[in-house]
Amino acid sequence: MVAGMAPEPFVIGTTPLIAIVRFHAGGDLAGTIEALARGGVEAIEVTIDTPGALAAVAEAAAAGRAVGVGTVLTAEQVRASADAGARFVVSPALVPEVIEVALQLGVEPLPGAFTATELVHALGAGTRGVKLFPASAGGPGYLRALRGPFPSVPIVPTGGVRIEDIGAYLGAGAAAVALGSELVGRTAPASDDELEQIASRAARAVEASRRETA
């Protein structure tokens, strides 16, 4: 695929945000996904190293959520994600077999890339967009510099992104912004109050994205 010709990934939806759910000890994934959705976040990624991830993705997909699987590094994980109903798979690095199998199965791949060279290799492997990771290592200024030679390639910064950074990344040309612990914390919610806090943070993130795109 030629740089500058890629369409926007369908997984982003009308809100340029992706929420990342990663709980190493597992927990209330269904409640967390529902809280994020109540806050207005449409695209939700559950990392495959979260206990119960694929079951939660299957439940969310059955409910019509735009849900995907993150930290995907093998073809087998892509197949398992597709079987669960994932619309997209996200990788922390460029793994050609992940892209190849995802495309074969009709799942949107979002591989990790940081340099222009990695971005070119990702496009050459057939992906439509990339995850800029770790975004905080370069910040919005680095993303803006990448947009120069790649003005139309969808780039999704993730890694250390805060709610107050959303506007700056979108202003620098991000197609969407992905946030993890900033929205859901590092451990699963243990009460209705904690679920409401997730919904509230999600709503703040959505509002921040709308101010920038308005």
C-alpha atoms as a PDB file:
ATOM      1  CA  MET A   1       0.000   0.000   0.000  1.00  0.00           C
ATOM      2  CA  VAL A   2       1.340   3.411  -0.948  1.00  0.00           C
ATOM      3  CA  ALA A   3       1.798   6.024   1.774  1.00  0.00           C
ATOM      4  CA  GLY A   4      -0.810   8.732   1.458  1.00  0.00           C
ATOM      5  CA  MET A   5      -3.455   6.398  -0.003  1.00  0.00           C
ATOM      6  CA  ALA A   6      -4.621   4.558   3.123  1.00  0.00           C
ATOM      7  CA  PRO A   7      -8.250   4.987   4.226  1.00  0.00           C
ATOM      8  CA  GLU A   8      -9.165   5.569   7.829  1.00  0.00           C
ATOM      9  CA  PRO A   9      -9.418   2.302   9.775  1.00  0.00           C
ATOM     10  CA  PHE A  10     -13.034   1.370  10.347  1.00  0.00           C
ATOM     11  CA  VAL A  11     -12.321   0.483  13.996  1.00  0.00           C
ATOM     12  CA  ILE A  12     -12.033   4.071  15.189  1.00  0.00           C
ATOM     13  CA  GLY A  13     -15.682   4.986  14.728  1.00  0.00           C
ATOM     14  CA  THR A  14     -16.985   8.511  15.223  1.00  0.00           C
ATOM     15  CA  THR A  15     -14.941   9.140  18.375  1.00  0.00           C
ATOM     16  CA  PRO A  16     -11.158   9.224  17.823  1.00  0.00           C
ATOM     17  CA  LEU A  17     -10.384   7.189  20.933  1.00  0.00           C
ATOM     18  CA  ILE A  18      -9.449   3.614  21.757  1.00  0.00           C
ATOM     19  CA  ALA A  19      -9.607   2.464  25.376  1.00  0.00           C
ATOM     20  CA  ILE A  20      -7.136  -0.229  26.421  1.00  0.00           C
ATOM     21  CA  VAL A  21      -8.116  -2.676  29.159  1.00  0.00           C
ATOM     22  CA  ARG A  22      -5.178  -4.526  30.742  1.00  0.00           C
ATOM     23  CA  PHE A  23      -5.588  -6.139  34.148  1.00  0.00           C
ATOM     24  CA  HIS A  24      -2.803  -8.640  34.844  1.00  0.00           C
ATOM     25  CA  ALA A  25      -4.822 -10.202  37.655  1.00  0.00           C
ATOM     26  CA  GLY A  26      -8.101 -10.249  35.707  1.00  0.00           C
ATOM     27  CA  GLY A  27     -11.322  -8.956  37.195  1.00  0.00           C
ATOM     28  CA  ASP A  28     -14.561  -7.364  36.042  1.00  0.00           C
ATOM     29  CA  LEU A  29     -13.847  -6.986  32.341  1.00  0.00           C
ATOM     30  CA  ALA A  30     -17.497  -6.901  31.283  1.00  0.00           C
ATOM     31  CA  GLY A  31     -18.260  -4.134  33.759  1.00  0.00           C
ATOM     32  CA  THR A  32     -15.220  -2.163  32.664  1.00  0.00           C
ATOM     33  CA  ILE A  33     -16.162  -2.425  28.986  1.00  0.00           C
ATOM     34  CA  GLU A  34     -19.723  -1.336  29.767  1.00  0.00           C
ATOM     35  CA  ALA A  35     -18.466   1.621  31.844  1.00  0.00           C
ATOM     36  CA  LEU A  36     -16.231   2.768  28.995  1.00  0.00           C
ATOM     37  CA  ALA A  37     -19.125   2.491  26.574  1.00  0.00           C
ATOM     38  CA  ARG A  38     -21.372   4.494  28.918  1.00  0.00           C
ATOM     39  CA  GLY A  39     -18.704   7.187  28.890  1.00  0.00           C
ATOM     40  CA  GLY A  40     -18.905   7.324  25.104  1.00  0.00           C
ATOM     41  CA  VAL A  41     -15.805   5.379  24.041  1.00  0.00           C
ATOM     42  CA  GLU A  42     -16.710   3.250  21.033  1.00  0.00           C
ATOM     43  CA  ALA A  43     -13.539   1.234  20.346  1.00  0.00           C
ATOM     44  CA  ILE A  44     -12.226  -0.899  23.201  1.00  0.00           C
ATOM     45  CA  GLU A  45      -9.111  -3.082  23.208  1.00  0.00           C
ATOM     46  CA  VAL A  46      -8.620  -5.876  25.737  1.00  0.00           C
ATOM     47  CA  THR A  47      -5.051  -7.153  25.912  1.00  0.00           C
ATOM     48  CA  ILE A  48      -4.653 -10.880  25.413  1.00  0.00           C
ATOM     49  CA  ASP A  49      -2.485 -11.179  28.528  1.00  0.00           C
ATOM     50  CA  THR A  50      -5.483 -10.177  30.662  1.00  0.00           C
ATOM     51  CA  PRO A  51      -7.086 -13.296  32.191  1.00  0.00           C
ATOM     52  CA  GLY A  52     -10.474 -13.866  30.568  1.00  0.00           C
ATOM     53  CA  ALA A  53      -9.737 -11.466  27.719  1.00  0.00           C
ATOM     54  CA  LEU A  54     -11.123 -13.541  24.855  1.00  0.00           C
ATOM     55  CA  ALA A  55     -14.308 -14.434  26.724  1.00  0.00           C
ATOM     56  CA  ALA A  56     -14.877 -10.749  27.482  1.00  0.00           C
ATOM     57  CA  VAL A  57     -14.234  -9.838  23.855  1.00  0.00           C
ATOM     58  CA  ALA A  58     -16.697 -12.481  22.700  1.00  0.00           C
ATOM     59  CA  GLU A  59     -19.369 -11.142  25.054  1.00  0.00           C
ATOM     60  CA  ALA A  60     -18.769  -7.554  23.972  1.00  0.00           C
ATOM     61  CA  ALA A  61     -18.729  -8.484  20.291  1.00  0.00           C
ATOM     62  CA  ALA A  62     -22.033 -10.326  20.674  1.00  0.00           C
ATOM     63  CA  ALA A  63     -23.468  -7.118  22.126  1.00  0.00           C
ATOM     64  CA  GLY A  64     -22.319  -5.183  19.052  1.00  0.00           C
ATOM     65  CA  ARG A  65     -19.315  -3.443  20.615  1.00  0.00           C
ATOM     66  CA  ALA A  66     -16.348  -2.399  18.460  1.00  0.00           C
ATOM     67  CA  VAL A  67     -13.926  -4.489  20.469  1.00  0.00           C
ATOM     68  CA  GLY A  68     -10.464  -5.788  19.695  1.00  0.00           C
ATOM     69  CA  VAL A  69      -7.550  -7.652  21.217  1.00  0.00           C
ATOM     70  CA  GLY A  70      -4.203  -6.116  22.119  1.00  0.00           C
ATOM     71  CA  THR A  71      -0.639  -7.345  22.662  1.00  0.00           C
ATOM     72  CA  VAL A  72      -1.153  -9.812  19.810  1.00  0.00           C
ATOM     73  CA  LEU A  73       2.169 -11.280  18.663  1.00  0.00           C
ATOM     74  CA  THR A  74       1.388 -14.568  16.896  1.00  0.00           C
ATOM     75  CA  ALA A  75      -0.810 -15.908  14.119  1.00  0.00           C
ATOM     76  CA  GLU A  76      -2.477 -18.244  16.627  1.00  0.00           C
ATOM     77  CA  GLN A  77      -3.474 -15.280  18.777  1.00  0.00           C
ATOM     78  CA  VAL A  78      -4.946 -13.559  15.726  1.00  0.00           C
ATOM     79  CA  ARG A  79      -7.051 -16.625  14.950  1.00  0.00           C
ATOM     80  CA  ALA A  80      -8.249 -16.860  18.547  1.00  0.00           C
ATOM     81  CA  SER A  81      -9.119 -13.157  18.514  1.00  0.00           C
ATOM     82  CA  ALA A  82     -11.052 -13.514  15.267  1.00  0.00           C
ATOM     83  CA  ASP A  83     -12.931 -16.511  16.651  1.00  0.00           C
ATOM     84  CA  ALA A  84     -13.919 -14.369  19.636  1.00  0.00           C
ATOM     85  CA  GLY A  85     -15.359 -11.717  17.322  1.00  0.00           C
ATOM     86  CA  ALA A  86     -12.587  -9.116  17.524  1.00  0.00           C
ATOM     87  CA  ARG A  87     -12.811  -6.413  14.872  1.00  0.00           C
ATOM     88  CA  PHE A  88      -9.160  -5.441  15.262  1.00  0.00           C
ATOM     89  CA  VAL A  89      -5.892  -6.708  16.707  1.00  0.00           C
ATOM     90  CA  VAL A  90      -3.151  -4.478  18.094  1.00  0.00           C
ATOM     91  CA  SER A  91       0.536  -5.335  18.428  1.00  0.00           C
ATOM     92  CA  PRO A  92       3.327  -3.529  20.291  1.00  0.00           C
ATOM     93  CA  ALA A  93       5.660  -4.155  17.341  1.00  0.00           C
ATOM     94  CA  LEU A  94       5.626  -4.976  13.649  1.00  0.00           C
ATOM     95  CA  VAL A  95       4.929  -8.709  13.250  1.00  0.00           C
ATOM     96  CA  PRO A  96       4.326  -9.550   9.555  1.00  0.00           C
ATOM     97  CA  GLU A  97       2.503 -12.829  10.240  1.00  0.00           C
ATOM     98  CA  VAL A  98       0.042 -11.034  12.512  1.00  0.00           C
ATOM     99  CA  ILE A  99      -0.795  -8.564   9.747  1.00  0.00           C
ATOM    100  CA  GLU A 100      -1.033 -11.299   7.112  1.00  0.00           C
ATOM    101  CA  VAL A 101      -3.370 -13.552   9.081  1.00  0.00           C
ATOM    102  CA  ALA A 102      -5.499 -10.650  10.314  1.00  0.00           C
ATOM    103  CA  LEU A 103      -6.081  -9.478   6.759  1.00  0.00           C
ATOM    104  CA  GLN A 104      -6.916 -13.011   5.660  1.00  0.00           C
ATOM    105  CA  LEU A 105      -9.548 -13.232   8.399  1.00  0.00           C
ATOM    106  CA  GLY A 106     -11.017  -9.777   7.825  1.00  0.00           C
ATOM    107  CA  VAL A 107      -9.677  -8.363  11.087  1.00  0.00           C
ATOM    108  CA  GLU A 108      -8.093  -4.902  11.161  1.00  0.00           C
ATOM    109  CA  PRO A 109      -4.399  -5.062  12.174  1.00  0.00           C
ATOM    110  CA  LEU A 110      -2.823  -2.172  14.032  1.00  0.00           C
ATOM    111  CA  PRO A 111       0.882  -2.953  14.413  1.00  0.00           C
ATOM    112  CA  GLY A 112       3.256  -0.980  16.581  1.00  0.00           C
ATOM    113  CA  ALA A 113       5.810   1.256  14.889  1.00  0.00           C
ATOM    114  CA  PHE A 114       7.980   4.117  16.057  1.00  0.00           C
ATOM    115  CA  THR A 115      10.269   5.074  13.174  1.00  0.00           C
ATOM    116  CA  ALA A 116       9.555   6.055   9.590  1.00  0.00           C
ATOM    117  CA  THR A 117      11.267   2.862   8.444  1.00  0.00           C
ATOM    118  CA  GLU A 118       9.025   0.695  10.601  1.00  0.00           C
ATOM    119  CA  LEU A 119       5.991   2.575   9.329  1.00  0.00           C
ATOM    120  CA  VAL A 120       6.991   1.891   5.711  1.00  0.00           C
ATOM    121  CA  HIS A 121       7.482  -1.798   6.477  1.00  0.00           C
ATOM    122  CA  ALA A 122       4.053  -1.950   8.126  1.00  0.00           C
ATOM    123  CA  LEU A 123       2.399  -0.401   5.093  1.00  0.00           C
ATOM    124  CA  GLY A 124       4.308  -2.751   2.834  1.00  0.00           C
ATOM    125  CA  ALA A 125       2.938  -5.690   4.824  1.00  0.00           C
ATOM    126  CA  GLY A 126      -0.582  -4.489   4.032  1.00  0.00           C
ATOM    127  CA  THR A 127      -1.763  -2.669   7.135  1.00  0.00           C
ATOM    128  CA  ARG A 128      -3.840   0.490   6.727  1.00  0.00           C
ATOM    129  CA  GLY A 129      -2.678   2.257   9.879  1.00  0.00           C
ATOM    130  CA  VAL A 130      -0.138   1.945  12.681  1.00  0.00           C
ATOM    131  CA  LYS A 131       0.087   2.332  16.421  1.00  0.00           C
ATOM    132  CA  LEU A 132       2.773   4.836  17.413  1.00  0.00           C
ATOM    133  CA  PHE A 133       4.400   3.198  20.430  1.00  0.00           C
ATOM    134  CA  PRO A 134       5.626   4.318  22.863  1.00  0.00           C
ATOM    135  CA  ALA A 135       4.094   7.680  21.984  1.00  0.00           C
ATOM    136  CA  SER A 136       5.271   9.417  25.140  1.00  0.00           C
ATOM    137  CA  ALA A 137       8.905   8.910  24.089  1.00  0.00           C
ATOM    138  CA  GLY A 138       8.449  11.471  21.324  1.00  0.00           C
ATOM    139  CA  GLY A 139       5.224  13.257  22.178  1.00  0.00           C
ATOM    140  CA  PRO A 140       2.947  15.201  19.833  1.00  0.00           C
ATOM    141  CA  GLY A 141       5.945  16.929  18.222  1.00  0.00           C
ATOM    142  CA  TYR A 142       7.374  13.620  17.049  1.00  0.00           C
ATOM    143  CA  LEU A 143       3.994  12.570  15.641  1.00  0.00           C
ATOM    144  CA  ARG A 144       3.757  15.862  13.767  1.00  0.00           C
ATOM    145  CA  ALA A 145       7.179  15.226  12.239  1.00  0.00           C
ATOM    146  CA  LEU A 146       6.080  11.757  11.058  1.00  0.00           C
ATOM    147  CA  ARG A 147       2.983  13.248   9.463  1.00  0.00           C
ATOM    148  CA  GLY A 148       5.211  15.226   7.087  1.00  0.00           C
ATOM    149  CA  PRO A 149       6.191  12.288   4.847  1.00  0.00           C
ATOM    150  CA  PHE A 150       3.061  10.290   5.746  1.00  0.00           C
ATOM    151  CA  PRO A 151       0.220  12.827   5.690  1.00  0.00           C
ATOM    152  CA  SER A 152      -2.656  10.390   5.136  1.00  0.00           C
ATOM    153  CA  VAL A 153      -1.574   7.257   6.994  1.00  0.00           C
ATOM    154  CA  PRO A 154      -3.730   6.732  10.099  1.00  0.00           C
ATOM    155  CA  ILE A 155      -1.449   6.865  13.151  1.00  0.00           C
ATOM    156  CA  VAL A 156      -2.719   6.031  16.646  1.00  0.00           C
ATOM    157  CA  PRO A 157      -0.396   7.132  19.481  1.00  0.00           C
ATOM    158  CA  THR A 158      -0.412   5.009  22.607  1.00  0.00           C
ATOM    159  CA  GLY A 159       1.818   4.459  25.602  1.00  0.00           C
ATOM    160  CA  GLY A 160       1.888   7.044  28.375  1.00  0.00           C
ATOM    161  CA  VAL A 161      -0.892   9.163  26.855  1.00  0.00           C
ATOM    162  CA  ARG A 162      -2.982  11.155  29.355  1.00  0.00           C
ATOM    163  CA  ILE A 163      -6.420  12.682  28.964  1.00  0.00           C
ATOM    164  CA  GLU A 164      -4.898  16.162  28.891  1.00  0.00           C
ATOM    165  CA  ASP A 165      -2.672  15.067  25.988  1.00  0.00           C
ATOM    166  CA  ILE A 166      -5.534  14.052  23.704  1.00  0.00           C
ATOM    167  CA  GLY A 167      -5.995  17.470  22.111  1.00  0.00           C
ATOM    168  CA  ALA A 168      -2.276  17.880  21.396  1.00  0.00           C
ATOM    169  CA  TYR A 169      -2.006  14.471  19.716  1.00  0.00           C
ATOM    170  CA  LEU A 170      -5.127  14.998  17.627  1.00  0.00           C
ATOM    171  CA  GLY A 171      -3.866  18.467  16.733  1.00  0.00           C
ATOM    172  CA  ALA A 172      -0.584  16.887  15.614  1.00  0.00           C
ATOM    173  CA  GLY A 173      -2.467  14.643  13.195  1.00  0.00           C
ATOM    174  CA  ALA A 174      -3.376  11.481  15.112  1.00  0.00           C
ATOM    175  CA  ALA A 175      -6.240   9.527  13.583  1.00  0.00           C
ATOM    176  CA  ALA A 176      -7.172   8.439  17.099  1.00  0.00           C
ATOM    177  CA  VAL A 177      -5.574   8.275  20.528  1.00  0.00           C
ATOM    178  CA  ALA A 178      -5.369   5.143  22.687  1.00  0.00           C
ATOM    179  CA  LEU A 179      -5.392   5.339  26.489  1.00  0.00           C
ATOM    180  CA  GLY A 180      -5.066   2.510  28.987  1.00  0.00           C
ATOM    181  CA  SER A 181      -4.516   2.870  32.733  1.00  0.00           C
ATOM    182  CA  GLU A 182      -5.331   6.569  32.463  1.00  0.00           C
ATOM    183  CA  LEU A 183      -8.941   5.498  31.898  1.00  0.00           C
ATOM    184  CA  VAL A 184      -9.349   2.153  33.639  1.00  0.00           C
ATOM    185  CA  GLY A 185      -6.524   1.988  36.179  1.00  0.00           C
ATOM    186  CA  ARG A 186      -4.055  -0.859  36.602  1.00  0.00           C
ATOM    187  CA  THR A 187      -6.330  -3.180  38.571  1.00  0.00           C
ATOM    188  CA  ALA A 188      -9.904  -4.147  37.861  1.00  0.00           C
ATOM    189  CA  PRO A 189     -12.697  -2.121  39.466  1.00  0.00           C
ATOM    190  CA  ALA A 190     -14.035  -3.683  42.656  1.00  0.00           C
ATOM    191  CA  SER A 191     -17.173  -1.599  43.206  1.00  0.00           C
ATOM    192  CA  ASP A 192     -19.931   0.287  41.420  1.00  0.00           C
ATOM    193  CA  ASP A 193     -18.242   3.517  42.465  1.00  0.00           C
ATOM    194  CA  GLU A 194     -15.027   2.531  40.724  1.00  0.00           C
ATOM    195  CA  LEU A 195     -16.992   1.614  37.586  1.00  0.00           C
ATOM    196  CA  GLU A 196     -18.615   5.042  37.652  1.00  0.00           C
ATOM    197  CA  GLN A 197     -15.176   6.630  37.936  1.00  0.00           C
ATOM    198  CA  ILE A 198     -14.141   4.790  34.762  1.00  0.00           C
ATOM    199  CA  ALA A 199     -17.272   6.012  32.981  1.00  0.00           C
ATOM    200  CA  SER A 200     -16.549   9.566  34.157  1.00  0.00           C
ATOM    201  CA  ARG A 201     -12.941   9.482  32.930  1.00  0.00           C
ATOM    202  CA  ALA A 202     -14.107   8.035  29.618  1.00  0.00           C
ATOM    203  CA  ALA A 203     -16.593  10.896  29.236  1.00  0.00           C
ATOM    204  CA  ARG A 204     -13.809  13.415  29.954  1.00  0.00           C
ATOM    205  CA  ALA A 205     -11.657  11.804  27.274  1.00  0.00           C
ATOM    206  CA  VAL A 206     -14.495  11.878  24.756  1.00  0.00           C
ATOM    207  CA  GLU A 207     -15.148  15.541  25.514  1.00  0.00           C
ATOM    208  CA  ALA A 208     -11.448  16.348  25.077  1.00  0.00           C
ATOM    209  CA  SER A 209     -11.430  14.631  21.696  1.00  0.00           C
ATOM    210  CA  ARG A 210     -14.560  16.448  20.553  1.00  0.00           C
ATOM    211  CA  ARG A 211     -13.152  19.858  21.476  1.00  0.00           C
ATOM    212  CA  GLU A 212     -10.185  19.200  19.208  1.00  0.00           C
ATOM    213  CA  THR A 213     -12.184  17.788  16.273  1.00  0.00           C
ATOM    214  CA  ALA A 214     -15.058  20.290  16.439  1.00  0.00           C
END
